[in-house]
Amino acid sequence: MTTGHVLKPAVISLGVLIGLAACTNPYDPGQRAVGGGLVGAGAGAAIGGVAAGGRGAVTGALVGGAVGAVAGAATTPSPPVYAPPAAPAGWYPEMVWLPQPGAYIALDYSYPLFFIEGTYFSLYGGNWYAGPSYRGPWRAYPSPPPALRGFHPGAWNSYQERARTHYRADPNWRHFRPR
């Protein structure tokens, strides 16, 4: 056996490993189908090759790849949801209007919680969430609404101070308390 015959299987194996490494999202059914198909094809080819030689390897690769792809897609788990924590029972936020950014904010709340045009928005764990109530139910929101695009989580305390200043200085300042 020459060196070229040994290198070809090694190169093919390396290609398969790189292909599998490219499947980075375990919650994507397409990527799981590709990964399952590659693993199934490899296992099917090995078993078919041992059992029936070259033709068996081809048949095993085709059958194993198909079964692996279906199994990979079918067993895709749902992504975890890390929604904002529920507000404490009996707590109703004081929502105070801030002209900049053009949203109501929850006064004295530890997480960024905003109200814009009938929807609550929260930034939690680096992700935006939207919901019909300050208690949720929350759904992942792909990006902040336009009014909040410049918001940085480190600025939450300054937003709180600005809201307190408006609220204390003018008792008629725009605010509400949802129930």
C-alpha atoms as a PDB file:
ATOM      1  CA  MET A   1       0.000   0.000   0.000  1.00  0.00           C
ATOM      2  CA  THR A   2       1.415   3.412  -0.949  1.00  0.00           C
ATOM      3  CA  THR A   3       1.306   6.602   1.076  1.00  0.00           C
ATOM      4  CA  GLY A   4      -1.363   8.058  -1.273  1.00  0.00           C
ATOM      5  CA  HIS A   5      -3.768   5.211  -0.407  1.00  0.00           C
ATOM      6  CA  VAL A   6      -3.390   5.982   3.295  1.00  0.00           C
ATOM      7  CA  LEU A   7      -3.752   9.747   2.890  1.00  0.00           C
ATOM      8  CA  LYS A   8      -7.030   9.613   0.917  1.00  0.00           C
ATOM      9  CA  PRO A   9      -9.071   8.063   3.772  1.00  0.00           C
ATOM     10  CA  ALA A  10      -7.432  10.474   6.225  1.00  0.00           C
ATOM     11  CA  VAL A  11      -8.332  13.478   4.050  1.00  0.00           C
ATOM     12  CA  ILE A  12     -11.904  12.210   3.608  1.00  0.00           C
ATOM     13  CA  SER A  13     -12.216  11.652   7.363  1.00  0.00           C
ATOM     14  CA  LEU A  14     -10.897  15.144   8.038  1.00  0.00           C
ATOM     15  CA  GLY A  15     -13.447  16.564   5.570  1.00  0.00           C
ATOM     16  CA  VAL A  16     -16.295  14.764   7.335  1.00  0.00           C
ATOM     17  CA  LEU A  17     -15.106  16.045  10.734  1.00  0.00           C
ATOM     18  CA  ILE A  18     -14.904  19.623   9.439  1.00  0.00           C
ATOM     19  CA  GLY A  19     -18.386  19.232   7.951  1.00  0.00           C
ATOM     20  CA  LEU A  20     -19.736  18.050  11.280  1.00  0.00           C
ATOM     21  CA  ALA A  21     -17.970  20.864  13.119  1.00  0.00           C
ATOM     22  CA  ALA A  22     -19.770  23.365  10.866  1.00  0.00           C
ATOM     23  CA  CYS A  23     -23.089  22.269  12.397  1.00  0.00           C
ATOM     24  CA  THR A  24     -22.899  24.759  15.241  1.00  0.00           C
ATOM     25  CA  ASN A  25     -26.553  25.261  16.139  1.00  0.00           C
ATOM     26  CA  PRO A  26     -28.017  22.211  17.886  1.00  0.00           C
ATOM     27  CA  TYR A  27     -31.506  23.782  17.629  1.00  0.00           C
ATOM     28  CA  ASP A  28     -31.492  24.017  13.819  1.00  0.00           C
ATOM     29  CA  PRO A  29     -33.239  20.998  12.220  1.00  0.00           C
ATOM     30  CA  GLY A  30     -31.357  21.525   8.946  1.00  0.00           C
ATOM     31  CA  GLN A  31     -27.967  21.350  10.603  1.00  0.00           C
ATOM     32  CA  ARG A  32     -29.056  18.365  12.679  1.00  0.00           C
ATOM     33  CA  ALA A  33     -30.221  16.591   9.489  1.00  0.00           C
ATOM     34  CA  VAL A  34     -26.832  17.203   7.842  1.00  0.00           C
ATOM     35  CA  GLY A  35     -24.945  15.977  10.906  1.00  0.00           C
ATOM     36  CA  GLY A  36     -27.217  12.936  11.334  1.00  0.00           C
ATOM     37  CA  GLY A  37     -26.942  12.148   7.640  1.00  0.00           C
ATOM     38  CA  LEU A  38     -23.146  12.267   7.705  1.00  0.00           C
ATOM     39  CA  VAL A  39     -22.897  10.097  10.803  1.00  0.00           C
ATOM     40  CA  GLY A  40     -25.500   7.659   9.437  1.00  0.00           C
ATOM     41  CA  ALA A  41     -23.789   7.449   6.044  1.00  0.00           C
ATOM     42  CA  GLY A  42     -20.432   6.759   7.654  1.00  0.00           C
ATOM     43  CA  ALA A  43     -21.808   4.083   9.952  1.00  0.00           C
ATOM     44  CA  GLY A  44     -23.907   2.531   7.170  1.00  0.00           C
ATOM     45  CA  ALA A  45     -20.928   2.420   4.803  1.00  0.00           C
ATOM     46  CA  ALA A  46     -18.745   0.763   7.427  1.00  0.00           C
ATOM     47  CA  ILE A  47     -21.340  -1.879   8.290  1.00  0.00           C
ATOM     48  CA  GLY A  48     -22.316  -2.462   4.650  1.00  0.00           C
ATOM     49  CA  GLY A  49     -18.669  -2.703   3.595  1.00  0.00           C
ATOM     50  CA  VAL A  50     -17.908  -5.314   6.228  1.00  0.00           C
ATOM     51  CA  ALA A  51     -21.045  -7.311   5.431  1.00  0.00           C
ATOM     52  CA  ALA A  52     -21.089  -7.192   1.631  1.00  0.00           C
ATOM     53  CA  GLY A  53     -18.022  -5.416   0.291  1.00  0.00           C
ATOM     54  CA  GLY A  54     -18.072  -2.393  -2.027  1.00  0.00           C
ATOM     55  CA  ARG A  55     -21.725  -2.568  -3.134  1.00  0.00           C
ATOM     56  CA  GLY A  56     -22.798  -3.099   0.468  1.00  0.00           C
ATOM     57  CA  ALA A  57     -20.833  -0.018   1.506  1.00  0.00           C
ATOM     58  CA  VAL A  58     -22.657   2.127  -1.047  1.00  0.00           C
ATOM     59  CA  THR A  59     -26.055   0.744  -0.068  1.00  0.00           C
ATOM     60  CA  GLY A  60     -25.224   1.114   3.635  1.00  0.00           C
ATOM     61  CA  ALA A  61     -24.094   4.720   3.127  1.00  0.00           C
ATOM     62  CA  LEU A  62     -27.305   5.631   1.284  1.00  0.00           C
ATOM     63  CA  VAL A  63     -29.631   3.947   3.767  1.00  0.00           C
ATOM     64  CA  GLY A  64     -27.654   5.096   6.821  1.00  0.00           C
ATOM     65  CA  GLY A  65     -27.463   8.659   5.496  1.00  0.00           C
ATOM     66  CA  ALA A  66     -31.208   8.841   4.867  1.00  0.00           C
ATOM     67  CA  VAL A  67     -32.094   7.362   8.265  1.00  0.00           C
ATOM     68  CA  GLY A  68     -29.530   9.574  10.021  1.00  0.00           C
ATOM     69  CA  ALA A  69     -30.826  12.742   8.339  1.00  0.00           C
ATOM     70  CA  VAL A  70     -34.434  11.996   9.288  1.00  0.00           C
ATOM     71  CA  ALA A  71     -33.443  11.082  12.843  1.00  0.00           C
ATOM     72  CA  GLY A  72     -31.276  14.184  13.207  1.00  0.00           C
ATOM     73  CA  ALA A  73     -34.060  16.511  12.083  1.00  0.00           C
ATOM     74  CA  ALA A  74     -36.766  14.684  14.054  1.00  0.00           C
ATOM     75  CA  THR A  75     -34.858  14.823  17.336  1.00  0.00           C
ATOM     76  CA  THR A  76     -34.084  18.545  17.199  1.00  0.00           C
ATOM     77  CA  PRO A  77     -34.759  19.969  20.665  1.00  0.00           C
ATOM     78  CA  SER A  78     -36.546  23.265  21.229  1.00  0.00           C
ATOM     79  CA  PRO A  79     -34.203  26.097  22.148  1.00  0.00           C
ATOM     80  CA  PRO A  80     -34.205  27.054  25.819  1.00  0.00           C
ATOM     81  CA  VAL A  81     -36.094  30.209  26.762  1.00  0.00           C
ATOM     82  CA  TYR A  82     -34.402  32.483  29.237  1.00  0.00           C
ATOM     83  CA  ALA A  83     -37.203  34.942  29.733  1.00  0.00           C
ATOM     84  CA  PRO A  84     -37.085  37.776  32.226  1.00  0.00           C
ATOM     85  CA  PRO A  85     -38.005  36.740  35.751  1.00  0.00           C
ATOM     86  CA  ALA A  86     -41.602  37.247  36.777  1.00  0.00           C
ATOM     87  CA  ALA A  87     -42.361  40.412  38.701  1.00  0.00           C
ATOM     88  CA  PRO A  88     -42.877  39.824  42.423  1.00  0.00           C
ATOM     89  CA  ALA A  89     -46.465  39.043  43.427  1.00  0.00           C
ATOM     90  CA  GLY A  90     -48.386  42.159  44.369  1.00  0.00           C
ATOM     91  CA  TRP A  91     -45.820  44.448  42.743  1.00  0.00           C
ATOM     92  CA  TYR A  92     -47.056  46.881  40.118  1.00  0.00           C
ATOM     93  CA  PRO A  93     -44.417  48.949  38.394  1.00  0.00           C
ATOM     94  CA  GLU A  94     -44.642  52.706  38.240  1.00  0.00           C
ATOM     95  CA  MET A  95     -44.174  53.310  34.510  1.00  0.00           C
ATOM     96  CA  VAL A  96     -42.666  56.772  33.981  1.00  0.00           C
ATOM     97  CA  TRP A  97     -42.340  58.491  30.601  1.00  0.00           C
ATOM     98  CA  LEU A  98     -38.863  59.451  29.405  1.00  0.00           C
ATOM     99  CA  PRO A  99     -38.837  61.752  26.370  1.00  0.00           C
ATOM    100  CA  GLN A 100     -35.458  60.292  25.432  1.00  0.00           C
ATOM    101  CA  PRO A 101     -35.794  57.388  24.396  1.00  0.00           C
ATOM    102  CA  GLY A 102     -39.526  57.985  23.938  1.00  0.00           C
ATOM    103  CA  ALA A 103     -40.742  55.166  26.171  1.00  0.00           C
ATOM    104  CA  TYR A 104     -42.134  54.465  29.606  1.00  0.00           C
ATOM    105  CA  ILE A 105     -39.686  52.758  31.972  1.00  0.00           C
ATOM    106  CA  ALA A 106     -40.350  50.751  35.126  1.00  0.00           C
ATOM    107  CA  LEU A 107     -39.222  52.831  38.068  1.00  0.00           C
ATOM    108  CA  ASP A 108     -37.256  50.946  40.763  1.00  0.00           C
ATOM    109  CA  TYR A 109     -37.079  47.706  38.785  1.00  0.00           C
ATOM    110  CA  SER A 110     -33.779  45.834  38.601  1.00  0.00           C
ATOM    111  CA  TYR A 111     -34.095  44.777  34.939  1.00  0.00           C
ATOM    112  CA  PRO A 112     -34.625  47.083  31.967  1.00  0.00           C
ATOM    113  CA  LEU A 113     -38.407  47.090  31.446  1.00  0.00           C
ATOM    114  CA  PHE A 114     -40.011  49.443  28.936  1.00  0.00           C
ATOM    115  CA  PHE A 115     -43.509  50.117  27.629  1.00  0.00           C
ATOM    116  CA  ILE A 116     -43.945  51.374  24.072  1.00  0.00           C
ATOM    117  CA  GLU A 117     -47.218  51.582  22.128  1.00  0.00           C
ATOM    118  CA  GLY A 118     -49.060  48.862  24.035  1.00  0.00           C
ATOM    119  CA  THR A 119     -46.170  46.390  24.347  1.00  0.00           C
ATOM    120  CA  TYR A 120     -43.729  45.728  27.173  1.00  0.00           C
ATOM    121  CA  PHE A 121     -40.075  45.159  26.265  1.00  0.00           C
ATOM    122  CA  SER A 122     -37.402  43.739  28.521  1.00  0.00           C
ATOM    123  CA  LEU A 123     -33.702  43.205  28.059  1.00  0.00           C
ATOM    124  CA  TYR A 124     -32.582  40.144  29.971  1.00  0.00           C
ATOM    125  CA  GLY A 125     -29.482  37.994  29.546  1.00  0.00           C
ATOM    126  CA  GLY A 126     -28.437  40.051  26.515  1.00  0.00           C
ATOM    127  CA  ASN A 127     -31.680  39.246  24.684  1.00  0.00           C
ATOM    128  CA  TRP A 128     -34.776  41.338  24.025  1.00  0.00           C
ATOM    129  CA  TYR A 129     -38.234  40.059  24.939  1.00  0.00           C
ATOM    130  CA  ALA A 130     -41.703  41.453  24.241  1.00  0.00           C
ATOM    131  CA  GLY A 131     -44.996  40.773  25.963  1.00  0.00           C
ATOM    132  CA  PRO A 132     -48.521  42.087  26.461  1.00  0.00           C
ATOM    133  CA  SER A 133     -48.006  42.629  30.200  1.00  0.00           C
ATOM    134  CA  TYR A 134     -45.100  43.466  32.490  1.00  0.00           C
ATOM    135  CA  ARG A 135     -45.523  39.888  33.777  1.00  0.00           C
ATOM    136  CA  GLY A 136     -45.325  38.372  30.277  1.00  0.00           C
ATOM    137  CA  PRO A 137     -45.831  35.940  28.757  1.00  0.00           C
ATOM    138  CA  TRP A 138     -42.578  36.851  27.084  1.00  0.00           C
ATOM    139  CA  ARG A 139     -41.514  35.947  23.564  1.00  0.00           C
ATOM    140  CA  ALA A 140     -38.059  36.464  22.139  1.00  0.00           C
ATOM    141  CA  TYR A 141     -37.793  39.688  20.152  1.00  0.00           C
ATOM    142  CA  PRO A 142     -35.057  39.751  17.486  1.00  0.00           C
ATOM    143  CA  SER A 143     -33.892  43.325  18.078  1.00  0.00           C
ATOM    144  CA  PRO A 144     -34.896  46.272  20.201  1.00  0.00           C
ATOM    145  CA  PRO A 145     -37.713  48.493  18.942  1.00  0.00           C
ATOM    146  CA  PRO A 146     -36.463  51.671  17.184  1.00  0.00           C
ATOM    147  CA  ALA A 147     -36.834  53.843  20.302  1.00  0.00           C
ATOM    148  CA  LEU A 148     -34.522  51.510  22.254  1.00  0.00           C
ATOM    149  CA  ARG A 149     -31.844  50.794  19.646  1.00  0.00           C
ATOM    150  CA  GLY A 150     -29.367  53.068  21.416  1.00  0.00           C
ATOM    151  CA  PHE A 151     -30.047  51.605  24.862  1.00  0.00           C
ATOM    152  CA  HIS A 152     -27.128  50.021  26.675  1.00  0.00           C
ATOM    153  CA  PRO A 153     -27.787  47.885  29.784  1.00  0.00           C
ATOM    154  CA  GLY A 154     -25.155  49.785  31.745  1.00  0.00           C
ATOM    155  CA  ALA A 155     -27.280  52.931  31.359  1.00  0.00           C
ATOM    156  CA  TRP A 156     -30.291  51.490  33.231  1.00  0.00           C
ATOM    157  CA  ASN A 157     -29.358  53.298  36.475  1.00  0.00           C
ATOM    158  CA  SER A 158     -29.149  56.663  34.693  1.00  0.00           C
ATOM    159  CA  TYR A 159     -32.557  55.985  33.109  1.00  0.00           C
ATOM    160  CA  GLN A 160     -33.871  55.317  36.621  1.00  0.00           C
ATOM    161  CA  GLU A 161     -32.439  58.603  37.928  1.00  0.00           C
ATOM    162  CA  ARG A 162     -33.882  60.596  35.033  1.00  0.00           C
ATOM    163  CA  ALA A 163     -37.314  59.012  35.566  1.00  0.00           C
ATOM    164  CA  ARG A 164     -37.186  59.766  39.326  1.00  0.00           C
ATOM    165  CA  THR A 165     -36.254  63.383  38.608  1.00  0.00           C
ATOM    166  CA  HIS A 166     -39.200  63.869  36.213  1.00  0.00           C
ATOM    167  CA  TYR A 167     -41.604  62.039  38.509  1.00  0.00           C
ATOM    168  CA  ARG A 168     -40.657  63.984  41.671  1.00  0.00           C
ATOM    169  CA  ALA A 169     -40.373  67.390  40.011  1.00  0.00           C
ATOM    170  CA  ASP A 170     -43.801  67.313  38.369  1.00  0.00           C
ATOM    171  CA  PRO A 171     -46.658  65.312  39.928  1.00  0.00           C
ATOM    172  CA  ASN A 172     -48.538  65.564  36.622  1.00  0.00           C
ATOM    173  CA  TRP A 173     -45.664  64.001  34.674  1.00  0.00           C
ATOM    174  CA  ARG A 174     -46.789  61.207  32.357  1.00  0.00           C
ATOM    175  CA  HIS A 175     -46.892  57.952  34.301  1.00  0.00           C
ATOM    176  CA  PHE A 176     -49.188  54.996  34.994  1.00  0.00           C
ATOM    177  CA  ARG A 177     -49.363  51.902  37.137  1.00  0.00           C
ATOM    178  CA  PRO A 178     -50.631  48.777  35.323  1.00  0.00           C
ATOM    179  CA  ARG A 179     -52.713  46.202  37.154  1.00  0.00           C
END
